[in-house]
């Protein structure tokens, strides 16, 4: 992941969506995972979406996407952001990284 420069070198920054797609089993553990992922969205609901992407669902039921991108661009893979918004999105994205999200609470598959 490329970082936004710390000085305003440009008034606009090209942004490529950061996302992870998951297929969540319809089970107790799957529902627990779903609830955990919903809480990540609460970090910044205007810039983090946890949702069912229709094109994923058409290929695989029970598929969901956790993505970081301004809501106004949520249906696009790329966007042009002004410098201050790009810095904010970078901070939001970093809050969603394994360094900031306690992945030990994510339920594992039952054998």
PDB file of N, CA and C in Angstrom:
ATOM      1  N   UNK A   1       0.838  -1.165   0.000  1.00  0.00           N
ATOM      2  CA  UNK A   1       0.000   0.000   0.000  1.00  0.00           C
ATOM      3  C   UNK A   1       0.886   1.231   0.000  1.00  0.00           C
ATOM      4  N   UNK A   2       0.635   2.072  -0.944  1.00  0.00           N
ATOM      5  CA  UNK A   2       1.404   3.295  -1.080  1.00  0.00           C
ATOM      6  C   UNK A   2       0.852   4.361  -0.138  1.00  0.00           C
ATOM      7  N   UNK A   3       1.743   5.116   0.482  1.00  0.00           N
ATOM      8  CA  UNK A   3       1.332   6.172   1.410  1.00  0.00           C
ATOM      9  C   UNK A   3       1.184   7.494   0.677  1.00  0.00           C
ATOM     10  N   UNK A   4       0.293   8.317   1.191  1.00  0.00           N
ATOM     11  CA  UNK A   4       0.133   9.672   0.673  1.00  0.00           C
ATOM     12  C   UNK A   4       1.322  10.481   1.173  1.00  0.00           C
ATOM     13  N   UNK A   5       1.954  11.298   0.308  1.00  0.00           N
ATOM     14  CA  UNK A   5       3.087  12.113   0.756  1.00  0.00           C
ATOM     15  C   UNK A   5       2.686  12.997   1.935  1.00  0.00           C
ATOM     16  N   UNK A   6       3.635  13.261   2.819  1.00  0.00           N
ATOM     17  CA  UNK A   6       3.329  14.060   4.013  1.00  0.00           C
ATOM     18  C   UNK A   6       3.237  15.547   3.723  1.00  0.00           C
ATOM     19  N   UNK A   7       3.687  15.959   2.570  1.00  0.00           N
ATOM     20  CA  UNK A   7       3.530  17.360   2.180  1.00  0.00           C
ATOM     21  C   UNK A   7       2.617  17.423   0.974  1.00  0.00           C
ATOM     22  N   UNK A   8       1.910  18.515   0.853  1.00  0.00           N
ATOM     23  CA  UNK A   8       0.947  18.666  -0.234  1.00  0.00           C
ATOM     24  C   UNK A   8       1.677  18.861  -1.560  1.00  0.00           C
ATOM     25  N   UNK A   9       1.988  17.754  -2.230  1.00  0.00           N
ATOM     26  CA  UNK A   9       2.701  17.839  -3.501  1.00  0.00           C
ATOM     27  C   UNK A   9       1.741  17.988  -4.668  1.00  0.00           C
ATOM     28  N   UNK A  10       0.480  17.721  -4.440  1.00  0.00           N
ATOM     29  CA  UNK A  10      -0.524  17.812  -5.489  1.00  0.00           C
ATOM     30  C   UNK A  10      -1.866  18.111  -4.838  1.00  0.00           C
ATOM     31  N   UNK A  11      -2.724  18.771  -5.553  1.00  0.00           N
ATOM     32  CA  UNK A  11      -4.036  19.046  -4.975  1.00  0.00           C
ATOM     33  C   UNK A  11      -4.965  17.841  -5.103  1.00  0.00           C
ATOM     34  N   UNK A  12      -4.596  16.876  -5.961  1.00  0.00           N
ATOM     35  CA  UNK A  12      -5.414  15.678  -6.146  1.00  0.00           C
ATOM     36  C   UNK A  12      -4.557  14.426  -6.037  1.00  0.00           C
ATOM     37  N   UNK A  13      -5.178  13.354  -5.543  1.00  0.00           N
ATOM     38  CA  UNK A  13      -4.484  12.078  -5.378  1.00  0.00           C
ATOM     39  C   UNK A  13      -5.350  10.986  -5.984  1.00  0.00           C
ATOM     40  N   UNK A  14      -4.738  10.141  -6.805  1.00  0.00           N
ATOM     41  CA  UNK A  14      -5.461   8.987  -7.336  1.00  0.00           C
ATOM     42  C   UNK A  14      -5.571   7.923  -6.254  1.00  0.00           C
ATOM     43  N   UNK A  15      -6.762   7.382  -6.059  1.00  0.00           N
ATOM     44  CA  UNK A  15      -6.985   6.376  -5.017  1.00  0.00           C
ATOM     45  C   UNK A  15      -7.556   5.115  -5.647  1.00  0.00           C
ATOM     46  N   UNK A  16      -6.998   3.996  -5.261  1.00  0.00           N
ATOM     47  CA  UNK A  16      -7.508   2.698  -5.704  1.00  0.00           C
ATOM     48  C   UNK A  16      -8.117   2.014  -4.489  1.00  0.00           C
ATOM     49  N   UNK A  17      -9.312   1.514  -4.647  1.00  0.00           N
ATOM     50  CA  UNK A  17     -10.074   0.927  -3.543  1.00  0.00           C
ATOM     51  C   UNK A  17      -9.273  -0.140  -2.795  1.00  0.00           C
ATOM     52  N   UNK A  18      -9.425  -0.140  -1.479  1.00  0.00           N
ATOM     53  CA  UNK A  18      -8.839  -1.179  -0.625  1.00  0.00           C
ATOM     54  C   UNK A  18     -10.002  -2.034  -0.132  1.00  0.00           C
ATOM     55  N   UNK A  19      -9.972  -3.325  -0.434  1.00  0.00           N
ATOM     56  CA  UNK A  19     -11.087  -4.169  -0.004  1.00  0.00           C
ATOM     57  C   UNK A  19     -10.648  -5.605   0.208  1.00  0.00           C
ATOM     58  N   UNK A  20     -11.492  -6.325   0.922  1.00  0.00           N
ATOM     59  CA  UNK A  20     -11.328  -7.764   1.069  1.00  0.00           C
ATOM     60  C   UNK A  20     -12.714  -8.370   0.856  1.00  0.00           C
ATOM     61  N   UNK A  21     -12.757  -9.423   0.077  1.00  0.00           N
ATOM     62  CA  UNK A  21     -14.015 -10.130  -0.180  1.00  0.00           C
ATOM     63  C   UNK A  21     -14.006 -11.435   0.606  1.00  0.00           C
ATOM     64  N   UNK A  22     -15.127 -11.729   1.230  1.00  0.00           N
ATOM     65  CA  UNK A  22     -15.237 -12.919   2.068  1.00  0.00           C
ATOM     66  C   UNK A  22     -16.518 -13.675   1.749  1.00  0.00           C
ATOM     67  N   UNK A  23     -16.453 -14.970   1.865  1.00  0.00           N
ATOM     68  CA  UNK A  23     -17.647 -15.800   1.818  1.00  0.00           C
ATOM     69  C   UNK A  23     -17.875 -16.264   3.250  1.00  0.00           C
ATOM     70  N   UNK A  24     -18.998 -15.870   3.824  1.00  0.00           N
ATOM     71  CA  UNK A  24     -19.269 -16.149   5.233  1.00  0.00           C
ATOM     72  C   UNK A  24     -20.303 -17.264   5.342  1.00  0.00           C
ATOM     73  N   UNK A  25     -19.914 -18.312   6.026  1.00  0.00           N
ATOM     74  CA  UNK A  25     -20.789 -19.463   6.215  1.00  0.00           C
ATOM     75  C   UNK A  25     -22.001 -19.083   7.070  1.00  0.00           C
ATOM     76  N   UNK A  26     -23.153 -19.619   6.709  1.00  0.00           N
ATOM     77  CA  UNK A  26     -24.370 -19.393   7.481  1.00  0.00           C
ATOM     78  C   UNK A  26     -24.375 -20.352   8.672  1.00  0.00           C
ATOM     79  N   UNK A  27     -23.637 -19.973   9.714  1.00  0.00           N
ATOM     80  CA  UNK A  27     -23.481 -20.795  10.911  1.00  0.00           C
ATOM     81  C   UNK A  27     -23.280 -19.855  12.097  1.00  0.00           C
ATOM     82  N   UNK A  28     -23.179 -20.418  13.283  1.00  0.00           N
ATOM     83  CA  UNK A  28     -22.946 -19.602  14.486  1.00  0.00           C
ATOM     84  C   UNK A  28     -21.645 -18.807  14.345  1.00  0.00           C
ATOM     85  N   UNK A  29     -20.560 -19.492  13.928  1.00  0.00           N
ATOM     86  CA  UNK A  29     -19.278 -18.795  13.762  1.00  0.00           C
ATOM     87  C   UNK A  29     -19.351 -17.754  12.648  1.00  0.00           C
ATOM     88  N   UNK A  30     -20.054 -18.079  11.573  1.00  0.00           N
ATOM     89  CA  UNK A  30     -20.216 -17.129  10.481  1.00  0.00           C
ATOM     90  C   UNK A  30     -20.952 -15.881  10.935  1.00  0.00           C
ATOM     91  N   UNK A  31     -21.976 -16.054  11.745  1.00  0.00           N
ATOM     92  CA  UNK A  31     -22.732 -14.905  12.263  1.00  0.00           C
ATOM     93  C   UNK A  31     -21.871 -14.066  13.207  1.00  0.00           C
ATOM     94  N   UNK A  32     -21.014 -14.719  13.991  1.00  0.00           N
ATOM     95  CA  UNK A  32     -20.095 -13.983  14.868  1.00  0.00           C
ATOM     96  C   UNK A  32     -19.122 -13.153  14.032  1.00  0.00           C
ATOM     97  N   UNK A  33     -18.586 -13.746  12.975  1.00  0.00           N
ATOM     98  CA  UNK A  33     -17.679 -13.017  12.084  1.00  0.00           C
ATOM     99  C   UNK A  33     -18.398 -11.832  11.449  1.00  0.00           C
ATOM    100  N   UNK A  34     -19.621 -12.043  10.993  1.00  0.00           N
ATOM    101  CA  UNK A  34     -20.419 -10.980  10.391  1.00  0.00           C
ATOM    102  C   UNK A  34     -20.552  -9.803  11.359  1.00  0.00           C
ATOM    103  N   UNK A  35     -20.858 -10.090  12.618  1.00  0.00           N
ATOM    104  CA  UNK A  35     -21.016  -9.034  13.623  1.00  0.00           C
ATOM    105  C   UNK A  35     -19.707  -8.286  13.871  1.00  0.00           C
ATOM    106  N   UNK A  36     -18.593  -8.999  13.871  1.00  0.00           N
ATOM    107  CA  UNK A  36     -17.286  -8.357  14.053  1.00  0.00           C
ATOM    108  C   UNK A  36     -16.996  -7.412  12.888  1.00  0.00           C
ATOM    109  N   UNK A  37     -17.266  -7.869  11.673  1.00  0.00           N
ATOM    110  CA  UNK A  37     -17.003  -7.040  10.497  1.00  0.00           C
ATOM    111  C   UNK A  37     -17.916  -5.821  10.461  1.00  0.00           C
ATOM    112  N   UNK A  38     -19.141  -5.968  10.929  1.00  0.00           N
ATOM    113  CA  UNK A  38     -20.040  -4.808  11.012  1.00  0.00           C
ATOM    114  C   UNK A  38     -19.468  -3.741  11.943  1.00  0.00           C
ATOM    115  N   UNK A  39     -18.804  -4.165  13.011  1.00  0.00           N
ATOM    116  CA  UNK A  39     -18.215  -3.210  13.960  1.00  0.00           C
ATOM    117  C   UNK A  39     -17.060  -2.438  13.328  1.00  0.00           C
ATOM    118  N   UNK A  40     -16.327  -3.074  12.416  1.00  0.00           N
ATOM    119  CA  UNK A  40     -15.237  -2.369  11.727  1.00  0.00           C
ATOM    120  C   UNK A  40     -15.807  -1.215  10.919  1.00  0.00           C
ATOM    121  N   UNK A  41     -16.945  -1.434  10.288  1.00  0.00           N
ATOM    122  CA  UNK A  41     -17.588  -0.372   9.509  1.00  0.00           C
ATOM    123  C   UNK A  41     -17.890   0.844  10.392  1.00  0.00           C
ATOM    124  N   UNK A  42     -18.169   0.617  11.666  1.00  0.00           N
ATOM    125  CA  UNK A  42     -18.507   1.706  12.587  1.00  0.00           C
ATOM    126  C   UNK A  42     -17.325   2.636  12.868  1.00  0.00           C
ATOM    127  N   UNK A  43     -16.110   2.217  12.531  1.00  0.00           N
ATOM    128  CA  UNK A  43     -14.935   3.082  12.708  1.00  0.00           C
ATOM    129  C   UNK A  43     -15.139   4.396  11.965  1.00  0.00           C
ATOM    130  N   UNK A  44     -15.668   4.310  10.744  1.00  0.00           N
ATOM    131  CA  UNK A  44     -15.921   5.494   9.918  1.00  0.00           C
ATOM    132  C   UNK A  44     -16.931   5.117   8.835  1.00  0.00           C
ATOM    133  N   UNK A  45     -18.234   5.134   9.157  1.00  0.00           N
ATOM    134  CA  UNK A  45     -19.257   4.673   8.208  1.00  0.00           C
ATOM    135  C   UNK A  45     -19.302   5.427   6.881  1.00  0.00           C
ATOM    136  N   UNK A  46     -18.780   6.639   6.848  1.00  0.00           N
ATOM    137  CA  UNK A  46     -18.779   7.390   5.591  1.00  0.00           C
ATOM    138  C   UNK A  46     -17.692   6.911   4.635  1.00  0.00           C
ATOM    139  N   UNK A  47     -16.736   6.144   5.163  1.00  0.00           N
ATOM    140  CA  UNK A  47     -15.605   5.729   4.333  1.00  0.00           C
ATOM    141  C   UNK A  47     -15.301   4.237   4.389  1.00  0.00           C
ATOM    142  N   UNK A  48     -16.020   3.500   5.219  1.00  0.00           N
ATOM    143  CA  UNK A  48     -15.855   2.046   5.285  1.00  0.00           C
ATOM    144  C   UNK A  48     -17.215   1.430   5.010  1.00  0.00           C
ATOM    145  N   UNK A  49     -17.252   0.513   4.075  1.00  0.00           N
ATOM    146  CA  UNK A  49     -18.493  -0.176   3.775  1.00  0.00           C
ATOM    147  C   UNK A  49     -18.311  -1.672   4.011  1.00  0.00           C
ATOM    148  N   UNK A  50     -19.239  -2.255   4.744  1.00  0.00           N
ATOM    149  CA  UNK A  50     -19.328  -3.709   4.864  1.00  0.00           C
ATOM    150  C   UNK A  50     -20.666  -4.059   4.257  1.00  0.00           C
ATOM    151  N   UNK A  51     -20.621  -4.717   3.132  1.00  0.00           N
ATOM    152  CA  UNK A  51     -21.856  -4.924   2.391  1.00  0.00           C
ATOM    153  C   UNK A  51     -21.757  -6.160   1.505  1.00  0.00           C
ATOM    154  N   UNK A  52     -22.854  -6.433   0.892  1.00  0.00           N
ATOM    155  CA  UNK A  52     -22.918  -7.512  -0.083  1.00  0.00           C
ATOM    156  C   UNK A  52     -22.753  -6.859  -1.452  1.00  0.00           C
ATOM    157  N   UNK A  53     -21.657  -7.144  -2.106  1.00  0.00           N
ATOM    158  CA  UNK A  53     -21.454  -6.621  -3.455  1.00  0.00           C
ATOM    159  C   UNK A  53     -22.216  -7.529  -4.416  1.00  0.00           C
ATOM    160  N   UNK A  54     -23.151  -6.949  -5.126  1.00  0.00           N
ATOM    161  CA  UNK A  54     -24.037  -7.750  -5.976  1.00  0.00           C
ATOM    162  C   UNK A  54     -23.273  -8.633  -6.954  1.00  0.00           C
ATOM    163  N   UNK A  55     -22.217  -8.116  -7.554  1.00  0.00           N
ATOM    164  CA  UNK A  55     -21.505  -8.937  -8.543  1.00  0.00           C
ATOM    165  C   UNK A  55     -20.783 -10.105  -7.893  1.00  0.00           C
ATOM    166  N   UNK A  56     -20.364  -9.957  -6.597  1.00  0.00           N
ATOM    167  CA  UNK A  56     -19.795 -11.106  -5.882  1.00  0.00           C
ATOM    168  C   UNK A  56     -20.899 -12.111  -5.566  1.00  0.00           C
ATOM    169  N   UNK A  57     -22.024 -11.596  -5.071  1.00  0.00           N
ATOM    170  CA  UNK A  57     -23.124 -12.468  -4.656  1.00  0.00           C
ATOM    171  C   UNK A  57     -23.629 -13.299  -5.831  1.00  0.00           C
ATOM    172  N   UNK A  58     -23.661 -12.706  -7.019  1.00  0.00           N
ATOM    173  CA  UNK A  58     -24.109 -13.449  -8.205  1.00  0.00           C
ATOM    174  C   UNK A  58     -23.200 -14.631  -8.506  1.00  0.00           C
ATOM    175  N   UNK A  59     -21.939 -14.527  -8.125  1.00  0.00           N
ATOM    176  CA  UNK A  59     -20.984 -15.625  -8.339  1.00  0.00           C
ATOM    177  C   UNK A  59     -20.943 -16.582  -7.159  1.00  0.00           C
ATOM    178  N   UNK A  60     -21.117 -16.039  -5.955  1.00  0.00           N
ATOM    179  CA  UNK A  60     -21.005 -16.854  -4.735  1.00  0.00           C
ATOM    180  C   UNK A  60     -21.939 -16.285  -3.666  1.00  0.00           C
ATOM    181  N   UNK A  61     -22.963 -17.055  -3.295  1.00  0.00           N
ATOM    182  CA  UNK A  61     -23.865 -16.574  -2.249  1.00  0.00           C
ATOM    183  C   UNK A  61     -23.105 -16.457  -0.933  1.00  0.00           C
ATOM    184  N   UNK A  62     -23.644 -15.665  -0.038  1.00  0.00           N
ATOM    185  CA  UNK A  62     -23.038 -15.404   1.272  1.00  0.00           C
ATOM    186  C   UNK A  62     -21.688 -14.701   1.160  1.00  0.00           C
ATOM    187  N   UNK A  63     -21.480 -13.951   0.091  1.00  0.00           N
ATOM    188  CA  UNK A  63     -20.224 -13.217  -0.060  1.00  0.00           C
ATOM    189  C   UNK A  63     -20.441 -11.754   0.330  1.00  0.00           C
ATOM    190  N   UNK A  64     -19.431 -11.214   0.980  1.00  0.00           N
ATOM    191  CA  UNK A  64     -19.492  -9.844   1.475  1.00  0.00           C
ATOM    192  C   UNK A  64     -18.163  -9.162   1.195  1.00  0.00           C
ATOM    193  N   UNK A  65     -18.206  -7.840   1.207  1.00  0.00           N
ATOM    194  CA  UNK A  65     -17.008  -7.048   0.969  1.00  0.00           C
ATOM    195  C   UNK A  65     -16.854  -6.050   2.110  1.00  0.00           C
ATOM    196  N   UNK A  66     -15.638  -5.951   2.613  1.00  0.00           N
ATOM    197  CA  UNK A  66     -15.265  -4.897   3.551  1.00  0.00           C
ATOM    198  C   UNK A  66     -14.321  -4.000   2.766  1.00  0.00           C
ATOM    199  N   UNK A  67     -14.742  -2.761   2.525  1.00  0.00           N
ATOM    200  CA  UNK A  67     -13.927  -1.881   1.690  1.00  0.00           C
ATOM    201  C   UNK A  67     -13.760  -0.518   2.331  1.00  0.00           C
ATOM    202  N   UNK A  68     -12.630   0.099   1.995  1.00  0.00           N
ATOM    203  CA  UNK A  68     -12.331   1.451   2.460  1.00  0.00           C
ATOM    204  C   UNK A  68     -12.286   2.342   1.230  1.00  0.00           C
ATOM    205  N   UNK A  69     -13.243   3.232   1.175  1.00  0.00           N
ATOM    206  CA  UNK A  69     -13.348   4.184   0.073  1.00  0.00           C
ATOM    207  C   UNK A  69     -14.460   5.162   0.440  1.00  0.00           C
ATOM    208  N   UNK A  70     -14.325   6.436   0.080  1.00  0.00           N
ATOM    209  CA  UNK A  70     -15.415   7.361   0.378  1.00  0.00           C
ATOM    210  C   UNK A  70     -16.735   6.830  -0.186  1.00  0.00           C
ATOM    211  N   UNK A  71     -17.794   6.967   0.594  1.00  0.00           N
ATOM    212  CA  UNK A  71     -19.099   6.434   0.215  1.00  0.00           C
ATOM    213  C   UNK A  71     -19.528   6.883  -1.178  1.00  0.00           C
ATOM    214  N   UNK A  72     -19.219   8.115  -1.526  1.00  0.00           N
ATOM    215  CA  UNK A  72     -19.639   8.636  -2.834  1.00  0.00           C
ATOM    216  C   UNK A  72     -18.971   7.906  -3.998  1.00  0.00           C
ATOM    217  N   UNK A  73     -17.887   7.164  -3.731  1.00  0.00           N
ATOM    218  CA  UNK A  73     -17.185   6.413  -4.774  1.00  0.00           C
ATOM    219  C   UNK A  73     -17.310   4.901  -4.591  1.00  0.00           C
ATOM    220  N   UNK A  74     -18.202   4.451  -3.703  1.00  0.00           N
ATOM    221  CA  UNK A  74     -18.229   3.038  -3.320  1.00  0.00           C
ATOM    222  C   UNK A  74     -18.512   2.073  -4.465  1.00  0.00           C
ATOM    223  N   UNK A  75     -19.015   2.560  -5.574  1.00  0.00           N
ATOM    224  CA  UNK A  75     -19.282   1.683  -6.718  1.00  0.00           C
ATOM    225  C   UNK A  75     -18.180   1.771  -7.777  1.00  0.00           C
ATOM    226  N   UNK A  76     -17.078   2.408  -7.438  1.00  0.00           N
ATOM    227  CA  UNK A  76     -15.963   2.566  -8.370  1.00  0.00           C
ATOM    228  C   UNK A  76     -14.713   1.906  -7.795  1.00  0.00           C
ATOM    229  N   UNK A  77     -13.809   1.486  -8.673  1.00  0.00           N
ATOM    230  CA  UNK A  77     -12.541   0.895  -8.232  1.00  0.00           C
ATOM    231  C   UNK A  77     -11.482   1.951  -7.953  1.00  0.00           C
ATOM    232  N   UNK A  78     -11.621   3.104  -8.582  1.00  0.00           N
ATOM    233  CA  UNK A  78     -10.654   4.186  -8.399  1.00  0.00           C
ATOM    234  C   UNK A  78     -11.405   5.506  -8.224  1.00  0.00           C
ATOM    235  N   UNK A  79     -10.702   6.473  -7.670  1.00  0.00           N
ATOM    236  CA  UNK A  79     -11.289   7.797  -7.482  1.00  0.00           C
ATOM    237  C   UNK A  79     -10.166   8.821  -7.415  1.00  0.00           C
ATOM    238  N   UNK A  80     -10.495  10.042  -7.731  1.00  0.00           N
ATOM    239  CA  UNK A  80      -9.571  11.157  -7.557  1.00  0.00           C
ATOM    240  C   UNK A  80     -10.035  11.911  -6.316  1.00  0.00           C
ATOM    241  N   UNK A  81      -9.153  11.985  -5.316  1.00  0.00           N
ATOM    242  CA  UNK A  81      -9.478  12.636  -4.048  1.00  0.00           C
ATOM    243  C   UNK A  81      -8.636  13.887  -3.883  1.00  0.00           C
ATOM    244  N   UNK A  82      -9.196  14.881  -3.189  1.00  0.00           N
ATOM    245  CA  UNK A  82      -8.338  16.015  -2.872  1.00  0.00           C
ATOM    246  C   UNK A  82      -7.364  15.561  -1.785  1.00  0.00           C
ATOM    247  N   UNK A  83      -6.288  16.306  -1.632  1.00  0.00           N
ATOM    248  CA  UNK A  83      -5.178  15.897  -0.770  1.00  0.00           C
ATOM    249  C   UNK A  83      -5.613  15.606   0.664  1.00  0.00           C
ATOM    250  N   UNK A  84      -6.406  16.495   1.262  1.00  0.00           N
ATOM    251  CA  UNK A  84      -6.823  16.297   2.658  1.00  0.00           C
ATOM    252  C   UNK A  84      -7.707  15.064   2.809  1.00  0.00           C
ATOM    253  N   UNK A  85      -8.590  14.837   1.851  1.00  0.00           N
ATOM    254  CA  UNK A  85      -9.440  13.647   1.912  1.00  0.00           C
ATOM    255  C   UNK A  85      -8.599  12.385   1.760  1.00  0.00           C
ATOM    256  N   UNK A  86      -7.595  12.433   0.895  1.00  0.00           N
ATOM    257  CA  UNK A  86      -6.710  11.273   0.706  1.00  0.00           C
ATOM    258  C   UNK A  86      -5.969  10.943   2.000  1.00  0.00           C
ATOM    259  N   UNK A  87      -5.497  11.960   2.716  1.00  0.00           N
ATOM    260  CA  UNK A  87      -4.833  11.720   4.003  1.00  0.00           C
ATOM    261  C   UNK A  87      -5.794  11.080   5.006  1.00  0.00           C
ATOM    262  N   UNK A  88      -7.026  11.568   5.032  1.00  0.00           N
ATOM    263  CA  UNK A  88      -8.022  11.004   5.946  1.00  0.00           C
ATOM    264  C   UNK A  88      -8.319   9.542   5.591  1.00  0.00           C
ATOM    265  N   UNK A  89      -8.508   9.253   4.323  1.00  0.00           N
ATOM    266  CA  UNK A  89      -8.801   7.880   3.888  1.00  0.00           C
ATOM    267  C   UNK A  89      -7.633   6.963   4.226  1.00  0.00           C
ATOM    268  N   UNK A  90      -6.416   7.453   4.074  1.00  0.00           N
ATOM    269  CA  UNK A  90      -5.250   6.643   4.434  1.00  0.00           C
ATOM    270  C   UNK A  90      -5.289   6.284   5.924  1.00  0.00           C
ATOM    271  N   UNK A  91      -5.633   7.246   6.771  1.00  0.00           N
ATOM    272  CA  UNK A  91      -5.727   6.975   8.212  1.00  0.00           C
ATOM    273  C   UNK A  91      -6.832   5.963   8.507  1.00  0.00           C
ATOM    274  N   UNK A  92      -7.958   6.094   7.830  1.00  0.00           N
ATOM    275  CA  UNK A  92      -9.065   5.146   8.010  1.00  0.00           C
ATOM    276  C   UNK A  92      -8.628   3.753   7.575  1.00  0.00           C
ATOM    277  N   UNK A  93      -8.003   3.664   6.420  1.00  0.00           N
ATOM    278  CA  UNK A  93      -7.524   2.373   5.911  1.00  0.00           C
ATOM    279  C   UNK A  93      -6.565   1.725   6.903  1.00  0.00           C
ATOM    280  N   UNK A  94      -5.674   2.527   7.474  1.00  0.00           N
ATOM    281  CA  UNK A  94      -4.708   1.990   8.429  1.00  0.00           C
ATOM    282  C   UNK A  94      -5.379   1.477   9.702  1.00  0.00           C
ATOM    283  N   UNK A  95      -6.495   2.098  10.101  1.00  0.00           N
ATOM    284  CA  UNK A  95      -7.236   1.613  11.269  1.00  0.00           C
ATOM    285  C   UNK A  95      -7.853   0.239  11.014  1.00  0.00           C
ATOM    286  N   UNK A  96      -8.024  -0.123   9.763  1.00  0.00           N
ATOM    287  CA  UNK A  96      -8.613  -1.420   9.405  1.00  0.00           C
ATOM    288  C   UNK A  96      -7.558  -2.496   9.212  1.00  0.00           C
ATOM    289  N   UNK A  97      -6.305  -2.149   9.352  1.00  0.00           N
ATOM    290  CA  UNK A  97      -5.237  -3.128   9.137  1.00  0.00           C
ATOM    291  C   UNK A  97      -5.143  -4.070  10.330  1.00  0.00           C
ATOM    292  N   UNK A  98      -4.534  -5.244  10.146  1.00  0.00           N
ATOM    293  CA  UNK A  98      -4.378  -6.193  11.259  1.00  0.00           C
ATOM    294  C   UNK A  98      -3.634  -5.606  12.460  1.00  0.00           C
ATOM    295  N   UNK A  99      -2.847  -4.550  12.241  1.00  0.00           N
ATOM    296  CA  UNK A  99      -2.151  -3.904  13.359  1.00  0.00           C
ATOM    297  C   UNK A  99      -3.120  -3.191  14.304  1.00  0.00           C
ATOM    298  N   UNK A 100      -4.295  -2.811  13.789  1.00  0.00           N
ATOM    299  CA  UNK A 100      -5.253  -2.048  14.583  1.00  0.00           C
ATOM    300  C   UNK A 100      -6.538  -2.806  14.903  1.00  0.00           C
ATOM    301  N   UNK A 101      -6.806  -3.878  14.188  1.00  0.00           N
ATOM    302  CA  UNK A 101      -8.000  -4.685  14.434  1.00  0.00           C
ATOM    303  C   UNK A 101      -7.556  -5.962  15.132  1.00  0.00           C
ATOM    304  N   UNK A 102      -8.186  -6.277  16.232  1.00  0.00           N
ATOM    305  CA  UNK A 102      -7.822  -7.476  16.992  1.00  0.00           C
ATOM    306  C   UNK A 102      -8.334  -8.713  16.260  1.00  0.00           C
ATOM    307  N   UNK A 103      -7.485  -9.270  15.401  1.00  0.00           N
ATOM    308  CA  UNK A 103      -7.893 -10.433  14.608  1.00  0.00           C
ATOM    309  C   UNK A 103      -8.009 -11.695  15.449  1.00  0.00           C
ATOM    310  N   UNK A 104      -7.551 -11.652  16.689  1.00  0.00           N
ATOM    311  CA  UNK A 104      -7.669 -12.843  17.540  1.00  0.00           C
ATOM    312  C   UNK A 104      -9.114 -13.101  17.944  1.00  0.00           C
ATOM    313  N   UNK A 105      -9.990 -12.108  17.793  1.00  0.00           N
ATOM    314  CA  UNK A 105     -11.391 -12.320  18.150  1.00  0.00           C
ATOM    315  C   UNK A 105     -12.205 -12.881  16.986  1.00  0.00           C
ATOM    316  N   UNK A 106     -11.594 -12.975  15.819  1.00  0.00           N
ATOM    317  CA  UNK A 106     -12.308 -13.508  14.659  1.00  0.00           C
ATOM    318  C   UNK A 106     -12.443 -15.017  14.818  1.00  0.00           C
ATOM    319  N   UNK A 107     -13.671 -15.522  14.771  1.00  0.00           N
ATOM    320  CA  UNK A 107     -13.870 -16.957  14.964  1.00  0.00           C
ATOM    321  C   UNK A 107     -13.273 -17.767  13.823  1.00  0.00           C
ATOM    322  N   UNK A 108     -12.700 -18.892  14.175  1.00  0.00           N
ATOM    323  CA  UNK A 108     -12.137 -19.789  13.173  1.00  0.00           C
ATOM    324  C   UNK A 108     -13.145 -20.871  12.837  1.00  0.00           C
ATOM    325  N   UNK A 109     -12.939 -21.511  11.711  1.00  0.00           N
ATOM    326  CA  UNK A 109     -13.825 -22.598  11.288  1.00  0.00           C
ATOM    327  C   UNK A 109     -13.807 -23.716  12.316  1.00  0.00           C
ATOM    328  N   UNK A 110     -14.936 -24.314  12.510  1.00  0.00           N
ATOM    329  CA  UNK A 110     -14.972 -25.498  13.372  1.00  0.00           C
ATOM    330  C   UNK A 110     -14.617 -26.708  12.531  1.00  0.00           C
ATOM    331  N   UNK A 111     -13.850 -27.612  13.106  1.00  0.00           N
ATOM    332  CA  UNK A 111     -13.401 -28.789  12.356  1.00  0.00           C
ATOM    333  C   UNK A 111     -14.439 -29.882  12.398  1.00  0.00           C
TER     334      UNK A 111
END
